[in-house]
Protein backbone atom coordinates (compact mmCIF):
# COMPACT_ATOMS: atom_id res chain seq x y z
CA UNK A 1 0.70 14.94 -13.30
CA UNK A 2 0.86 15.09 -9.51
CA UNK A 3 -1.47 13.38 -7.07
CA UNK A 4 -4.27 15.23 -5.33
CA UNK A 5 -3.54 14.49 -1.69
CA UNK A 6 -5.41 15.01 1.55
CA UNK A 7 -2.91 15.88 4.26
CA UNK A 8 -3.44 15.52 7.99
CA UNK A 9 -0.69 17.45 9.71
CA UNK A 10 -0.08 16.93 13.43
CA UNK A 11 0.53 19.58 16.01
CA UNK A 12 4.27 20.09 16.10
CA UNK A 13 6.95 18.83 13.76
CA UNK A 14 6.10 15.36 12.36
CA UNK A 15 8.56 12.59 13.11
CA UNK A 16 7.00 10.06 10.73
CA UNK A 17 4.72 9.91 7.69
CA UNK A 18 2.14 7.33 6.63
CA UNK A 19 0.90 7.36 3.04
CA UNK A 20 -2.36 5.42 2.64
CA UNK A 21 -3.66 4.48 -0.82
CA UNK A 22 -7.37 3.73 -1.33
CA UNK A 23 -8.95 1.03 -3.46
CA UNK A 24 -10.72 1.04 -6.81
CA UNK A 25 -13.50 3.60 -7.09
CA UNK A 26 -12.88 4.89 -3.59
CA UNK A 27 -11.24 8.09 -2.38
CA UNK A 28 -8.61 9.24 0.07
CA UNK A 29 -11.35 10.40 2.42
CA UNK A 30 -12.20 6.74 3.08
CA UNK A 31 -9.22 6.50 5.42
CA UNK A 32 -9.81 9.63 7.45
CA UNK A 33 -11.37 7.51 10.24
CA UNK A 34 -8.33 5.21 10.22
CA UNK A 35 -5.99 8.11 10.84
CA UNK A 36 -8.12 9.08 13.85
CA UNK A 37 -8.47 5.53 15.15
CA UNK A 38 -4.83 4.45 15.23
CA UNK A 39 -2.93 5.69 18.26
CA UNK A 40 0.66 6.23 17.17
CA UNK A 41 1.52 8.87 19.75
CA UNK A 42 4.27 6.67 21.17
CA UNK A 43 6.41 7.37 18.10
CA UNK A 44 5.74 11.11 18.09
CA UNK A 45 3.76 13.32 15.74
CA UNK A 46 2.69 11.55 12.52
CA UNK A 47 1.73 13.16 9.23
CA UNK A 48 -0.88 11.26 7.19
CA UNK A 49 -1.07 11.58 3.42
CA UNK A 50 -4.22 10.26 1.72
CA UNK A 51 -3.70 10.51 -2.05
CA UNK A 52 -6.56 10.38 -4.54
CA UNK A 53 -6.14 8.19 -7.62
CA UNK A 54 -6.59 9.76 -11.06
CA UNK A 55 -9.98 9.28 -12.71
CA UNK A 56 -9.75 6.82 -15.61
CA UNK A 57 -11.98 4.38 -17.51
CA UNK A 58 -12.01 0.88 -15.98
CA UNK A 59 -12.45 -1.97 -18.43
CA UNK A 60 -13.98 -4.34 -15.88
CA UNK A 61 -16.73 -1.79 -15.26
CA UNK A 62 -17.58 -1.32 -18.94
CA UNK A 63 -15.26 1.65 -19.31
CA UNK A 64 -16.94 3.68 -16.58
CA UNK A 65 -14.63 6.42 -15.36
CA UNK A 66 -13.70 6.28 -11.69
CA UNK A 67 -10.76 6.77 -9.40
CA UNK A 68 -8.33 3.96 -10.13
CA UNK A 69 -4.59 3.54 -9.74
CA UNK A 70 -4.58 1.38 -12.87
CA UNK A 71 -7.05 -0.36 -15.17
CA UNK A 72 -8.64 -3.69 -14.25
CA UNK A 73 -8.85 -5.64 -17.48
CA UNK A 74 -11.04 -8.51 -16.27
CA UNK A 75 -11.78 -10.96 -13.48
CA UNK A 76 -8.50 -12.86 -13.66
CA UNK A 77 -7.45 -12.68 -10.02
CA UNK A 78 -6.68 -16.20 -8.89
CA UNK A 79 -4.33 -17.87 -6.46
CA UNK A 80 -1.74 -18.30 -9.20
CA UNK A 81 -1.74 -14.65 -10.13
CA UNK A 82 -3.06 -12.32 -12.79
CA UNK A 83 -3.57 -13.41 -16.37
CA UNK A 84 -3.45 -9.78 -17.51
CA UNK A 85 -2.24 -6.62 -15.83
CA UNK A 86 -2.31 -2.98 -16.83
CA UNK A 87 1.47 -2.70 -16.74
CA UNK A 88 1.53 0.82 -18.20
CA UNK A 89 -1.00 2.08 -15.66
CA UNK A 90 0.83 0.44 -12.78
CA UNK A 91 4.17 1.91 -13.78
CA UNK A 92 2.64 5.35 -14.23
CA UNK A 93 1.24 5.17 -10.70
CA UNK A 94 4.54 3.87 -9.29
CA UNK A 95 6.17 7.00 -10.67
CA UNK A 96 3.52 9.21 -9.04
CA UNK A 97 4.13 7.49 -5.70
CA UNK A 98 7.89 7.95 -5.98
CA UNK A 99 7.37 11.63 -6.74
CA UNK A 100 5.12 11.95 -3.68
CA UNK A 101 7.77 10.36 -1.46
CA UNK A 102 10.43 12.58 -3.03
CA UNK A 103 8.37 15.62 -2.05
CA UNK A 104 8.24 14.40 1.54
CA UNK A 105 12.01 14.06 1.54
CA UNK A 106 12.32 17.60 0.19
CA UNK A 107 10.20 18.75 3.16
CA UNK A 108 12.70 17.21 5.56
CA UNK A 109 11.15 13.79 6.24
CA UNK A 110 13.63 10.91 6.13
CA UNK A 111 12.72 7.97 3.89
CA UNK A 112 13.21 5.51 6.75
CA UNK A 113 10.38 7.30 8.61
CA UNK A 114 7.85 6.84 5.79
CA UNK A 115 5.38 3.94 5.58
CA UNK A 116 3.50 3.18 2.36
CA UNK A 117 0.20 1.40 2.95
CA UNK A 118 -2.89 0.60 0.95
CA UNK A 119 -6.13 -1.34 0.56
CA UNK A 120 -6.90 -3.55 -2.49
CA UNK A 121 -5.56 -1.63 -5.51
CA UNK A 122 -3.84 0.61 -2.99
CA UNK A 123 -2.09 -2.44 -1.53
CA UNK A 124 -0.74 -3.33 -4.98
CA UNK A 125 0.46 0.23 -5.38
CA UNK A 126 2.20 0.37 -2.00
CA UNK A 127 3.99 -2.93 -2.59
CA UNK A 128 4.92 -2.32 -6.21
CA UNK A 129 6.14 1.24 -5.75
CA UNK A 130 7.68 0.65 -2.34
CA UNK A 131 9.87 -2.27 -3.35
CA UNK A 132 11.19 -0.22 -6.27
CA UNK A 133 11.91 2.96 -4.30
CA UNK A 134 15.65 3.80 -4.22
CA UNK A 135 15.83 4.71 -0.51
CA UNK A 136 15.01 2.54 2.48
CA UNK A 137 11.46 3.05 3.73
CA UNK A 138 10.14 2.33 7.23
CA UNK A 139 7.73 -0.33 5.99
CA UNK A 140 5.06 -1.42 3.51
CA UNK A 141 1.54 -2.44 4.59
CA UNK A 142 -0.92 -4.16 2.28
CA UNK A 143 -4.58 -4.84 3.14
CA UNK A 144 -6.74 -7.14 1.00
CA UNK A 145 -4.50 -6.86 -2.03
CA UNK A 146 -1.68 -8.54 -3.89
CA UNK A 147 1.81 -8.08 -5.32
CA UNK A 148 1.58 -6.59 -8.84
CA UNK A 149 4.03 -7.32 -11.66
CA UNK A 150 5.31 -10.23 -9.59
CA UNK A 151 7.30 -11.69 -12.49
CA UNK A 152 9.49 -8.59 -12.76
CA UNK A 153 9.79 -7.74 -9.06
CA UNK A 154 13.00 -9.72 -8.50
CA UNK A 155 14.82 -7.75 -11.19
CA UNK A 156 13.22 -4.37 -10.52
CA UNK A 157 13.16 -4.15 -6.72
CA UNK A 158 15.76 -1.82 -5.29
CA UNK A 159 18.49 -3.09 -2.99
CA UNK A 160 17.70 -0.24 -0.57
CA UNK A 161 14.43 -1.99 0.31
CA UNK A 162 15.69 -5.57 0.27
CA UNK A 163 14.91 -5.90 3.99
CA UNK A 164 11.97 -3.54 4.33
CA UNK A 165 9.36 -4.75 6.87
CA UNK A 166 6.08 -5.83 5.24
CA UNK A 167 2.63 -6.26 6.80
CA UNK A 168 -0.01 -8.21 4.85
CA UNK A 169 -3.61 -8.83 5.92
CA UNK A 170 -6.53 -10.45 4.10
CA UNK A 171 -10.08 -11.63 4.62
CA UNK A 172 -10.69 -15.36 4.27
CA UNK A 173 -14.07 -14.67 2.62
CA UNK A 174 -12.81 -12.03 0.17
CA UNK A 175 -14.61 -12.46 -3.17
CA UNK A 176 -12.96 -9.44 -4.83
CA UNK A 177 -9.30 -10.24 -4.28
CA UNK A 178 -9.38 -13.92 -3.28
CA UNK A 179 -7.64 -14.91 -0.08
CA UNK A 180 -5.49 -17.31 -2.12
CA UNK A 181 -4.13 -14.43 -4.18
CA UNK A 182 -3.06 -12.58 -1.05
CA UNK A 183 -1.43 -15.73 0.32
CA UNK A 184 0.36 -16.29 -2.99
CA UNK A 185 1.76 -12.75 -2.78
CA UNK A 186 2.99 -13.52 0.72
CA UNK A 187 4.78 -16.59 -0.63
CA UNK A 188 6.21 -14.68 -3.61
CA UNK A 189 7.68 -12.08 -1.28
CA UNK A 190 9.07 -14.77 1.03
CA UNK A 191 10.75 -16.43 -1.96
CA UNK A 192 12.53 -13.11 -2.63
CA UNK A 193 13.92 -13.08 0.91
CA UNK A 194 11.34 -10.83 2.60
CA UNK A 195 9.70 -11.83 5.86
CA UNK A 196 6.15 -10.51 5.53
CA UNK A 197 4.03 -10.48 8.68
CA UNK A 198 0.84 -12.23 7.59
CA UNK A 199 -2.64 -12.03 9.11
CA UNK A 200 -6.00 -13.26 7.91
CA UNK A 201 -9.43 -12.64 9.35
CA UNK A 202 -12.96 -14.08 8.88
CA UNK A 203 -14.20 -11.18 6.77
CA UNK A 204 -14.95 -10.17 3.19
CA UNK A 205 -13.25 -7.42 1.14
CA UNK A 206 -13.15 -5.00 4.01
CA UNK A 207 -11.27 -4.05 7.16
CA UNK A 208 -11.91 -5.18 10.71
CA UNK A 209 -11.22 -3.89 14.19
CA UNK A 210 -8.87 -6.81 14.87
CA UNK A 211 -6.96 -5.97 11.71
CA UNK A 212 -6.56 -2.35 12.81
CA UNK A 213 -5.22 -3.48 16.19
CA UNK A 214 -2.60 -5.64 14.44
CA UNK A 215 -1.73 -2.83 12.02
CA UNK A 216 -1.34 -0.32 14.84
CA UNK A 217 1.03 -2.64 16.70
CA UNK A 218 3.09 -3.23 13.53
CA UNK A 219 3.29 0.50 12.77
CA UNK A 220 4.49 1.23 16.28
CA UNK A 221 7.14 -1.45 15.89
CA UNK A 222 8.56 -0.30 12.55
CA UNK A 223 8.44 3.39 13.45
CA UNK A 224 10.17 2.77 16.77
CA UNK A 225 12.94 0.78 15.11
CA UNK A 226 16.34 2.50 15.08
CA UNK A 227 17.19 4.05 11.72
């Protein structure tokens, strides 16, 4: 299986690539406005990839089939972590992400010019797949999500991304992925030696203009960094 992907190609040869993963039940088209809103011209032409998750039954939603990167088995998201995770589904999606990045490398893009980013489930995917990727990436950005398979991350993360820059942002009123779960992921990553840039905002399970300003600044920083 390969991911259906919406591609926004810039005029001229791209110098960087941002892969943005949507949340549960959403679609890659949700982030078309984001690609227009963020001004990254200072780092050159940027290619955006907006993958679409496979359609699968979601246990939490009574088995209803929708776009999902992995199954949600119940409402177990708490500050201390997940009681149950769809490990098989997560690992399957990690593989799909790695294959997508591999295709970008085959097209001539360097790994250190690729950012993996995502919202909610997409955040979990970007963090989980990115930390395990065998070549250094430009950065990982997670919005309103959490670190999946946290108990195995220390053993499974790849040394190539031991110092990868990480951006994390969360709403303080998030009732879907509680703010405490996002903060716990921040702390889990810090315990592994990462230095995640953390932001929270007075919002629910959504994005805000202030958040986009902070994300734009971070993207400009990591994509300007010498490789």
